Protein backbone atom coordinates (compact mmCIF):
# COMPACT_ATOMS: atom_id res chain seq x y z
CA MET A 1 -38.53 -6.73 100.37
CA ASP A 2 -35.41 -7.36 102.34
CA SER A 3 -32.15 -7.32 100.25
CA PRO A 4 -29.95 -10.14 99.31
CA MET A 5 -26.86 -10.92 102.09
CA ARG A 6 -23.51 -12.52 101.33
CA ILE A 7 -22.64 -15.39 103.42
CA LEU A 8 -19.48 -17.10 104.04
CA MET A 9 -20.18 -20.49 105.94
CA LEU A 10 -16.96 -22.09 107.28
CA THR A 11 -17.05 -26.31 107.69
CA GLN A 12 -14.53 -28.61 107.87
CA SER A 13 -15.52 -31.34 105.38
CA TYR A 14 -18.43 -30.59 102.39
CA PRO A 15 -20.18 -33.28 100.18
CA PRO A 16 -19.24 -35.55 98.33
CA VAL A 17 -17.81 -36.22 102.28
CA LEU A 18 -20.53 -38.18 103.84
CA GLY A 19 -22.46 -37.00 107.22
CA GLY A 20 -25.33 -35.29 109.06
CA ILE A 21 -23.49 -31.78 108.89
CA GLU A 22 -21.70 -32.02 105.25
CA ARG A 23 -25.39 -32.57 104.14
CA HIS A 24 -26.77 -29.69 106.07
CA VAL A 25 -24.11 -27.17 105.00
CA ARG A 26 -25.38 -28.17 101.48
CA ASP A 27 -28.73 -27.85 102.08
CA LEU A 28 -28.83 -24.80 103.55
CA GLY A 29 -26.65 -23.38 101.09
CA ASN A 30 -28.62 -24.00 98.32
CA GLU A 31 -32.09 -22.95 100.17
CA LEU A 32 -30.42 -19.33 100.73
CA VAL A 33 -29.39 -18.88 97.17
CA ALA A 34 -32.96 -19.84 96.02
CA ARG A 35 -33.94 -17.14 98.53
CA GLY A 36 -31.50 -14.86 96.55
CA HIS A 37 -28.73 -14.45 98.56
CA SER A 38 -24.94 -15.18 97.76
CA VAL A 39 -23.24 -17.94 99.42
CA SER A 40 -19.98 -19.52 99.86
CA VAL A 41 -18.23 -22.33 101.70
CA VAL A 42 -14.75 -22.45 102.79
CA THR A 43 -14.25 -26.12 103.48
CA LEU A 44 -10.91 -28.42 103.45
CA ARG A 45 -9.99 -29.95 100.74
CA GLN A 46 -9.57 -33.69 100.95
CA GLU A 47 -7.80 -35.87 98.99
CA ASP A 48 -8.56 -35.88 95.08
CA MET A 49 -10.67 -32.97 95.55
CA ALA A 50 -10.51 -29.56 93.16
CA PRO A 51 -9.58 -26.07 95.49
CA PHE A 52 -12.36 -24.51 94.03
CA GLU A 53 -15.61 -25.50 92.45
CA LEU A 54 -19.17 -24.20 91.77
CA ASP A 55 -21.85 -26.68 93.65
CA GLY A 56 -24.98 -25.28 91.59
CA ASP A 57 -24.55 -21.73 92.55
CA VAL A 58 -22.88 -22.47 95.60
CA ARG A 59 -19.18 -21.19 95.90
CA VAL A 60 -17.08 -23.85 97.16
CA HIS A 61 -13.41 -23.18 98.15
CA ARG A 62 -11.53 -25.91 99.29
CA LEU A 63 -8.57 -25.34 101.50
CA ARG A 64 -5.08 -27.43 102.34
CA GLY A 65 -3.76 -26.15 105.90
CA THR A 66 -0.71 -26.11 107.56
CA VAL A 67 -1.28 -28.84 110.03
CA HIS A 68 -2.93 -31.05 106.63
CA ARG A 69 0.58 -30.93 105.52
CA PHE A 70 1.61 -33.98 108.14
CA SER A 71 -1.73 -35.64 107.41
CA ARG A 72 -0.44 -39.11 107.80
CA ILE A 73 1.03 -38.36 111.05
CA LEU A 74 -1.59 -36.22 112.80
CA PHE A 75 -5.10 -37.56 111.29
CA GLN A 76 -6.13 -41.45 111.79
CA ASN A 77 -7.74 -41.04 109.24
CA PRO A 78 -6.04 -38.91 106.32
CA ASP A 79 -8.96 -39.48 103.83
CA ARG A 80 -11.02 -37.44 106.45
CA TRP A 81 -9.64 -34.74 107.68
CA TYR A 82 -10.57 -32.46 110.60
CA ALA A 83 -10.06 -29.27 111.66
CA PRO A 84 -7.52 -28.29 114.37
CA PRO A 85 -8.60 -27.03 117.92
CA PHE A 86 -6.80 -23.57 117.41
CA PRO A 87 -6.10 -21.30 114.51
CA ASP A 88 -4.34 -22.88 111.23
CA PRO A 89 -1.86 -20.53 109.89
CA GLY A 90 -2.54 -21.83 106.49
CA LEU A 91 -5.96 -21.68 106.64
CA ALA A 92 -6.58 -18.35 108.40
CA ALA A 93 -4.52 -16.87 105.98
CA GLU A 94 -6.63 -18.06 103.16
CA ILE A 95 -9.86 -17.51 105.11
CA ARG A 96 -9.02 -13.99 105.15
CA ARG A 97 -8.29 -13.78 101.97
CA ILE A 98 -11.51 -15.40 100.96
CA VAL A 99 -13.24 -12.78 102.75
CA GLU A 100 -11.40 -9.68 101.65
CA ASP A 101 -11.99 -11.17 97.99
CA GLU A 102 -16.16 -11.81 98.47
CA LYS A 103 -16.80 -8.99 101.06
CA PRO A 104 -19.34 -11.29 103.13
CA ASP A 105 -22.16 -9.55 105.04
CA ILE A 106 -22.08 -12.94 107.85
CA VAL A 107 -19.75 -15.40 108.38
CA HIS A 108 -21.40 -18.35 109.31
CA ALA A 109 -19.27 -21.34 110.49
CA HIS A 110 -20.56 -24.83 111.81
CA ASN A 111 -17.50 -26.66 113.60
CA TRP A 112 -13.40 -26.22 114.74
CA MET A 113 -13.21 -24.67 111.05
CA VAL A 114 -14.21 -21.43 113.05
CA HIS A 115 -10.91 -21.46 115.15
CA SER A 116 -9.34 -20.30 111.77
CA TYR A 117 -11.70 -17.33 111.55
CA LEU A 118 -11.14 -16.29 114.93
CA PRO A 119 -8.18 -13.78 114.36
CA LEU A 120 -9.58 -12.12 112.00
CA ALA A 121 -12.85 -11.61 114.34
CA GLN A 122 -10.77 -10.24 116.88
CA ARG A 123 -9.71 -7.78 114.37
CA GLY A 124 -12.91 -6.70 113.25
CA GLY A 125 -13.95 -9.32 110.24
CA PRO A 126 -17.63 -9.72 109.32
CA PRO A 127 -20.40 -10.46 112.05
CA LEU A 128 -19.90 -14.31 113.18
CA VAL A 129 -22.97 -16.87 113.76
CA VAL A 130 -22.04 -20.44 114.33
CA THR A 131 -24.39 -23.24 114.76
CA LEU A 132 -23.44 -25.50 117.05
CA HIS A 133 -24.14 -28.91 116.07
CA ASP A 134 -22.61 -30.79 118.87
CA HIS A 135 -21.18 -30.00 122.19
CA GLY A 136 -17.94 -28.80 120.69
CA LEU A 137 -17.25 -25.41 122.74
CA ARG A 138 -17.56 -27.49 125.82
CA CYS A 139 -16.33 -30.93 125.22
CA PRO A 140 -13.12 -31.25 123.03
CA LYS A 141 -14.12 -34.70 121.99
CA TRP A 142 -17.84 -33.09 120.92
CA VAL A 143 -19.79 -35.63 122.53
CA LEU A 144 -19.90 -34.68 126.44
CA MET A 145 -19.83 -38.44 127.07
CA TYR A 146 -17.20 -39.63 130.08
CA GLU A 147 -16.53 -43.72 130.84
CA GLY A 148 -19.59 -44.73 128.33
CA SER A 149 -22.04 -42.19 130.03
CA PRO A 150 -23.20 -38.22 130.10
CA CYS A 151 -20.79 -36.56 131.19
CA SER A 152 -20.84 -33.80 133.78
CA GLY A 153 -19.27 -31.71 132.68
CA PRO A 154 -15.94 -30.70 131.94
CA ALA A 155 -12.42 -30.54 134.06
CA LEU A 156 -8.79 -30.13 133.06
CA PHE A 157 -7.46 -33.23 133.95
CA LYS A 158 -10.31 -35.10 133.47
CA CYS A 159 -10.62 -33.94 129.81
CA ILE A 160 -7.22 -34.72 129.53
CA ARG A 161 -7.96 -38.51 130.65
CA CYS A 162 -11.12 -38.87 128.75
CA THR A 163 -9.52 -37.71 125.55
CA ALA A 164 -5.92 -39.41 125.77
CA ASP A 165 -7.39 -43.13 124.05
CA TYR A 166 -9.00 -40.77 121.42
CA TYR A 167 -6.31 -38.57 120.14
CA GLY A 168 -3.18 -40.34 121.74
CA ARG A 169 -1.68 -38.67 125.13
CA ILE A 170 0.27 -36.02 123.04
CA LYS A 171 -2.63 -34.57 121.11
CA SER A 172 -5.11 -34.96 123.60
CA VAL A 173 -3.28 -32.48 125.78
CA VAL A 174 -2.82 -30.01 122.90
CA THR A 175 -6.38 -30.66 121.62
CA VAL A 176 -7.68 -30.02 125.41
CA LEU A 177 -5.72 -27.02 126.09
CA ALA A 178 -6.03 -25.27 122.70
CA SER A 179 -10.16 -26.27 122.65
CA ARG A 180 -10.38 -24.30 126.22
CA ARG A 181 -8.26 -21.32 125.01
CA TRP A 182 -9.60 -20.77 121.21
CA GLY A 183 -13.26 -21.64 122.89
CA ALA A 184 -13.23 -18.59 125.79
CA ILE A 185 -11.99 -16.45 122.26
CA GLU A 186 -15.12 -18.20 120.32
CA ARG A 187 -17.75 -17.18 123.23
CA ARG A 188 -16.13 -13.30 123.28
CA GLU A 189 -16.26 -13.00 119.60
CA THR A 190 -19.47 -14.84 118.65
CA ASP A 191 -22.51 -12.73 117.86
CA LEU A 192 -24.70 -15.35 118.04
CA PHE A 193 -24.75 -19.05 118.32
CA LEU A 194 -27.48 -21.39 117.18
CA PRO A 195 -27.65 -24.56 118.68
CA VAL A 196 -29.55 -27.22 116.37
CA SER A 197 -31.62 -28.00 119.72
CA GLN A 198 -32.03 -27.28 123.32
CA ALA A 199 -29.93 -30.32 124.49
CA VAL A 200 -27.25 -28.53 122.71
CA ALA A 201 -27.82 -25.78 124.23
CA ASP A 202 -27.44 -27.16 127.52
CA GLY A 203 -24.96 -29.26 126.67
CA ASN A 204 -22.76 -26.26 125.65
CA ALA A 205 -23.66 -24.15 129.26
CA LEU A 206 -25.04 -21.46 126.97
CA ALA A 207 -27.41 -20.03 129.17
CA GLU A 208 -25.18 -20.18 132.03
CA ALA A 209 -22.58 -17.81 130.28
CA ASN A 210 -25.23 -15.75 129.51
CA LEU A 211 -24.17 -16.26 125.68
CA PRO A 212 -26.22 -15.11 122.66
CA ARG A 213 -28.30 -17.72 121.53
CA GLN A 214 -31.38 -18.75 119.46
CA VAL A 215 -32.42 -22.67 118.94
CA ILE A 216 -32.86 -23.54 115.34
CA PRO A 217 -33.48 -27.36 113.95
CA ASN A 218 -32.36 -29.05 111.18
CA PHE A 219 -34.09 -29.36 108.32
CA LEU A 220 -35.00 -31.37 105.15
CA SER A 221 -35.09 -29.63 102.15
CA ASP A 222 -37.03 -31.90 100.43
CA CYS A 223 -40.37 -33.37 102.71
CA ASP A 224 -41.81 -35.63 100.90
CA PRO A 225 -39.30 -36.97 98.02
CA ALA A 226 -40.51 -38.40 95.07
CA PRO A 227 -38.80 -41.34 93.56
CA PRO A 228 -35.76 -40.97 91.49
CA GLU A 229 -36.20 -40.86 87.93
CA ASP A 230 -33.43 -42.20 87.04
CA ASN A 231 -33.33 -45.29 88.84
CA GLU A 232 -31.13 -47.05 86.63
CA ALA A 233 -28.13 -45.06 88.37
CA LEU A 234 -29.33 -46.20 91.48
CA GLU A 235 -29.63 -50.04 90.44
CA PRO A 236 -26.12 -51.10 91.71
CA TYR A 237 -26.74 -49.73 95.51
CA LEU A 238 -30.41 -50.86 95.61
CA SER A 239 -29.76 -54.05 93.93
CA GLN A 240 -27.54 -55.04 96.92
CA LEU A 241 -31.25 -54.73 99.74
CA PRO A 242 -32.64 -57.29 100.68
CA ASP A 243 -35.80 -58.31 98.38
CA ARG A 244 -38.18 -57.97 101.65
CA GLU A 245 -39.00 -55.59 104.43
CA TYR A 246 -35.80 -54.57 106.74
CA ILE A 247 -35.23 -52.47 109.67
CA LEU A 248 -32.82 -49.70 108.52
CA TYR A 249 -30.07 -48.08 110.48
CA VAL A 250 -28.32 -44.98 108.86
CA GLY A 251 -25.35 -43.57 110.07
CA ALA A 252 -21.38 -43.85 111.52
CA TYR A 253 -20.30 -47.20 112.33
CA GLY A 254 -19.46 -46.07 115.82
CA ARG A 255 -19.67 -46.10 119.92
CA PHE A 256 -21.86 -43.22 120.60
CA LYS A 257 -24.18 -43.52 117.75
CA GLY A 258 -25.36 -46.94 119.27
CA PHE A 259 -23.92 -49.13 116.59
CA HIS A 260 -22.81 -51.89 118.96
CA ILE A 261 -26.15 -51.39 121.20
CA LEU A 262 -27.97 -52.29 117.58
CA LEU A 263 -25.91 -55.20 116.90
CA GLU A 264 -26.62 -56.80 120.41
CA ALA A 265 -30.66 -55.55 120.40
CA TYR A 266 -30.93 -57.52 117.13
CA ASN A 267 -28.92 -60.63 117.49
CA GLN A 268 -31.29 -60.77 121.02
CA LEU A 269 -34.34 -60.72 118.31
CA VAL A 270 -32.73 -63.40 116.08
CA GLN A 271 -31.91 -65.34 119.19
CA ALA A 272 -35.67 -65.38 120.11
CA GLN A 273 -37.57 -65.51 117.30
CA GLY A 274 -35.05 -67.33 114.77
CA GLN A 275 -33.31 -65.84 111.53
CA ASP A 276 -36.53 -66.61 109.73
CA ASN A 277 -38.75 -64.87 111.25
CA VAL A 278 -36.74 -61.84 112.22
CA PRO A 279 -36.50 -59.13 109.03
CA PRO A 280 -33.10 -58.35 108.18
CA LEU A 281 -31.09 -55.70 109.37
CA VAL A 282 -30.01 -53.25 107.15
CA LEU A 283 -26.74 -51.18 108.03
CA ILE A 284 -25.69 -47.89 105.45
CA GLY A 285 -23.21 -45.86 106.51
CA TYR A 286 -19.25 -45.55 107.26
CA GLU A 287 -16.43 -46.83 109.32
CA THR A 288 -14.75 -45.03 112.27
CA GLY A 289 -12.24 -47.35 113.12
CA GLU A 290 -14.26 -48.09 116.02
CA PHE A 291 -15.53 -51.25 114.71
CA PRO A 292 -13.67 -52.27 111.81
CA LEU A 293 -16.19 -54.50 109.91
CA ALA A 294 -13.22 -56.78 109.06
CA SER A 295 -13.28 -58.21 112.78
CA THR A 296 -16.60 -56.94 114.20
CA PRO A 297 -18.73 -59.82 114.24
CA LEU A 298 -22.23 -59.02 112.85
CA PRO A 299 -25.45 -61.37 113.50
CA PRO A 300 -27.24 -63.47 111.21
CA GLY A 301 -29.21 -61.55 109.07
CA ALA A 302 -27.31 -57.69 109.36
CA VAL A 303 -26.17 -56.66 105.95
CA VAL A 304 -23.65 -53.68 105.71
CA LEU A 305 -23.47 -51.22 102.96
CA ARG A 306 -20.80 -48.44 103.24
CA HIS A 307 -20.64 -44.76 101.29
CA TRP A 308 -23.88 -44.49 99.78
CA PRO A 309 -25.11 -41.70 97.64
CA HIS A 310 -28.26 -39.48 99.44
CA ASP A 311 -30.37 -41.04 96.78
CA ALA A 312 -29.77 -44.38 97.16
CA VAL A 313 -30.26 -43.98 101.10
CA MET A 314 -33.61 -42.14 100.46
CA GLU A 315 -34.58 -45.13 98.26
CA ALA A 316 -33.55 -47.38 100.75
CA TRP A 317 -35.74 -45.39 103.59
CA ARG A 318 -38.38 -45.41 100.75
CA ARG A 319 -38.12 -49.35 101.42
CA CYS A 320 -37.48 -49.95 104.73
CA MET A 321 -40.38 -50.82 107.48
CA LEU A 322 -38.82 -48.75 110.15
CA GLY A 323 -35.78 -47.07 111.12
CA VAL A 324 -33.40 -46.97 114.45
CA VAL A 325 -31.52 -44.23 115.81
CA PRO A 326 -29.82 -46.01 118.87
CA SER A 327 -27.46 -43.19 120.28
CA ILE A 328 -25.89 -43.17 123.54
CA TRP A 329 -24.65 -39.77 123.15
CA PRO A 330 -27.21 -37.08 123.78
CA ASP A 331 -27.16 -36.86 120.16
CA PRO A 332 -28.09 -33.18 118.52
CA CYS A 333 -30.28 -33.32 116.01
CA PRO A 334 -29.94 -36.09 113.93
CA THR A 335 -31.87 -35.48 110.26
CA VAL A 336 -31.62 -38.96 110.10
CA ALA A 337 -34.74 -39.65 112.00
CA MET A 338 -36.37 -36.91 110.00
CA GLU A 339 -35.27 -38.66 106.60
CA ALA A 340 -36.91 -41.71 107.85
CA MET A 341 -40.25 -39.64 108.82
CA SER A 342 -40.19 -38.31 105.11
CA MET A 343 -40.65 -41.59 103.57
CA ALA A 344 -43.45 -42.03 106.69
CA LYS A 345 -41.60 -44.50 108.52
CA PRO A 346 -41.92 -44.84 112.44
CA VAL A 347 -38.15 -44.73 114.11
CA ILE A 348 -37.15 -46.59 117.25
CA ALA A 349 -34.65 -43.99 118.67
CA SER A 350 -32.80 -43.38 122.14
CA ARG A 351 -34.62 -41.00 124.50
CA ILE A 352 -31.47 -38.77 124.90
CA GLY A 353 -30.55 -35.18 123.33
CA GLY A 354 -32.66 -33.78 120.19
CA LEU A 355 -33.98 -37.06 119.59
CA VAL A 356 -36.87 -36.24 122.36
CA ASP A 357 -37.46 -33.15 120.06
CA ILE A 358 -37.96 -35.03 116.53
CA ILE A 359 -39.63 -38.16 117.69
CA ALA A 360 -43.17 -38.09 119.72
CA ASP A 361 -43.28 -41.21 121.82
CA GLY A 362 -45.84 -43.72 121.23
CA GLU A 363 -47.62 -41.20 118.40
CA THR A 364 -44.45 -41.42 115.46
CA GLY A 365 -42.01 -44.15 117.19
CA LEU A 366 -40.83 -45.47 120.13
CA LEU A 367 -38.45 -43.65 122.42
CA VAL A 368 -35.86 -45.91 124.94
CA THR A 369 -33.11 -45.80 127.48
CA PRO A 370 -29.76 -45.46 125.60
CA ASP A 371 -27.25 -47.80 125.63
CA ASP A 372 -30.03 -50.54 126.65
CA PRO A 373 -30.06 -53.31 124.11
CA ALA A 374 -32.87 -55.06 125.72
CA ALA A 375 -35.10 -51.95 125.71
CA LEU A 376 -34.63 -51.83 122.24
CA CYS A 377 -34.94 -55.31 121.57
CA ASP A 378 -38.70 -55.19 123.27
CA ALA A 379 -39.39 -51.84 121.00
CA LEU A 380 -38.06 -53.96 118.07
CA THR A 381 -39.97 -57.02 118.84
CA GLU A 382 -43.24 -54.57 119.44
CA LEU A 383 -43.00 -52.78 115.82
CA VAL A 384 -41.86 -55.32 113.94
CA ALA A 385 -45.25 -57.45 114.90
CA ASN A 386 -47.61 -54.69 114.81
CA PRO A 387 -47.51 -53.54 110.62
CA GLU A 388 -50.91 -51.44 111.32
CA ARG A 389 -48.84 -49.61 114.38
CA ARG A 390 -46.27 -48.80 112.05
CA GLU A 391 -48.23 -47.31 109.13
CA ARG A 392 -50.06 -45.04 111.91
CA MET A 393 -46.98 -44.00 113.14
CA GLY A 394 -45.42 -43.24 109.98
CA GLU A 395 -48.44 -40.99 108.83
CA ALA A 396 -47.91 -39.10 112.04
CA GLY A 397 -44.37 -39.06 111.54
CA HIS A 398 -44.70 -37.41 107.97
CA ARG A 399 -47.54 -35.05 109.51
CA ARG A 400 -44.93 -33.89 111.89
CA LEU A 401 -42.36 -33.31 109.88
CA ALA A 402 -43.66 -30.10 108.63
CA LEU A 403 -41.83 -28.69 111.74
CA PHE A 404 -38.40 -29.65 110.66
CA CYS A 405 -39.07 -28.85 106.35
CA ALA A 406 -36.76 -25.60 104.85
CA ASP A 407 -39.86 -23.40 104.50
CA SER A 408 -40.39 -23.44 108.12
CA VAL A 409 -36.88 -23.35 109.13
CA VAL A 410 -34.65 -21.44 106.56
CA PRO A 411 -36.32 -18.02 107.32
CA ARG A 412 -35.67 -18.14 110.81
CA TYR A 413 -31.57 -18.37 109.65
CA GLU A 414 -32.41 -15.09 107.64
CA GLN A 415 -33.56 -13.29 110.66
CA ALA A 416 -31.01 -14.53 112.44
CA TYR A 417 -28.50 -13.14 110.40
CA ARG A 418 -30.42 -9.97 110.16
CA ARG A 419 -31.01 -9.17 113.77
CA VAL A 420 -27.33 -9.99 113.97
CA LEU A 421 -26.54 -7.29 111.30
CA GLU A 422 -28.70 -4.59 112.78
CA GLY A 423 -27.31 -5.29 116.06
CA ARG A 424 -23.99 -5.12 114.80
CA ALA A 425 -25.02 -1.69 113.35
CA ARG A 426 -26.00 -0.61 116.57
CA SER A 427 -23.68 -1.48 118.89
CA GLY A 428 -20.53 -2.74 117.24
CA PRO A 429 -18.65 -6.05 118.22
CA PRO A 430 -19.70 -8.27 120.57
CA SER A 431 -19.21 -8.48 124.04
CA GLY A 432 -20.45 -11.59 124.86
CA GLN A 433 -23.43 -10.12 127.38
CA THR A 434 -26.29 -9.95 125.46
CA THR A 435 -28.65 -12.75 125.09
CA ALA A 436 -30.50 -13.52 121.84
CA SER A 437 -33.51 -15.84 122.47
């Protein structure tokens, strides 16, 4: 039997902060602990959170960085902080202290928190593995979109123009220059990149740069969830759901997630068939600032529900008729589609990014042209009108989910860690020239 490993994960946020990456890191940590490994997580300390806690057997260190002392100035949403695109002095010092105390075998980073580890990596710190959940190695906005369409590739002044509206003029220049410099260092110091889909590997140009890489998708820790035992605790949430079948969207209320496209498509559906003949549209998620709910017009029949706990979200999937993932960016590997499949629900999704790896078009759901409200409306019309087809697709999706269950995916992480450790033992720190397929 292989010996257990000590793993230190770096991520800018962690539950109870909501999001797919946050859920992924927690699930991966718990699965690794269940397999006998020791796992710690280093993350940012959001408001009103303790600096250290145990999440089951996972040790969670919540840090306050130097830049976060100026959170009200630097962050548009001070309640949800982000790691900077350069090493934060406070974070770097704390990460070094934790590494010295816990002596991890592997450091596994998940986003720009890696930059605050890179100074230690340059001085011969533990081997570094980086999961790429997005296109942040190549795109300072992480989404690889330019003027509303997939970006053909980065260029200095192009990136500065693109990010100016997102970060502001001054922060745009700092972000682009810092992400370019520290992204180059990340490429050199990372022992193995783990993109969550081939679309992410391609978007970050890993093959072009001959970087060590292995695609490992997101996963579900429970692919056949049972109804919760304590339904009473969820009742305040579930009581807000419609009392009849509904269409469900779960995710950020953001442009790249196609939130506005879904609203327009659903409005077309209501206008064509009448509100009484169309199932309600339930939108569970959180605001990003792009579509303030106080001022964003919603179509008749749309129900907005914010900041739900994960157990409540899963029960919402159990009760819906179908799910929608209308992303217009190359969505890397959205777990939300897998969650719908775990409840045997068909999924209508955009034909883009990692969604094409998850949804089998015509078999487990429908793939439609991204950023096309009419195409999305047509797909909604087709599945809403065909309950038998929805049932067949849902059952096929549940079978396909075996590809994305923890038992299939987590051992691949263990194998990747061990290959990195064996490679480091043979040849020392990475040179950036070896490819792991």
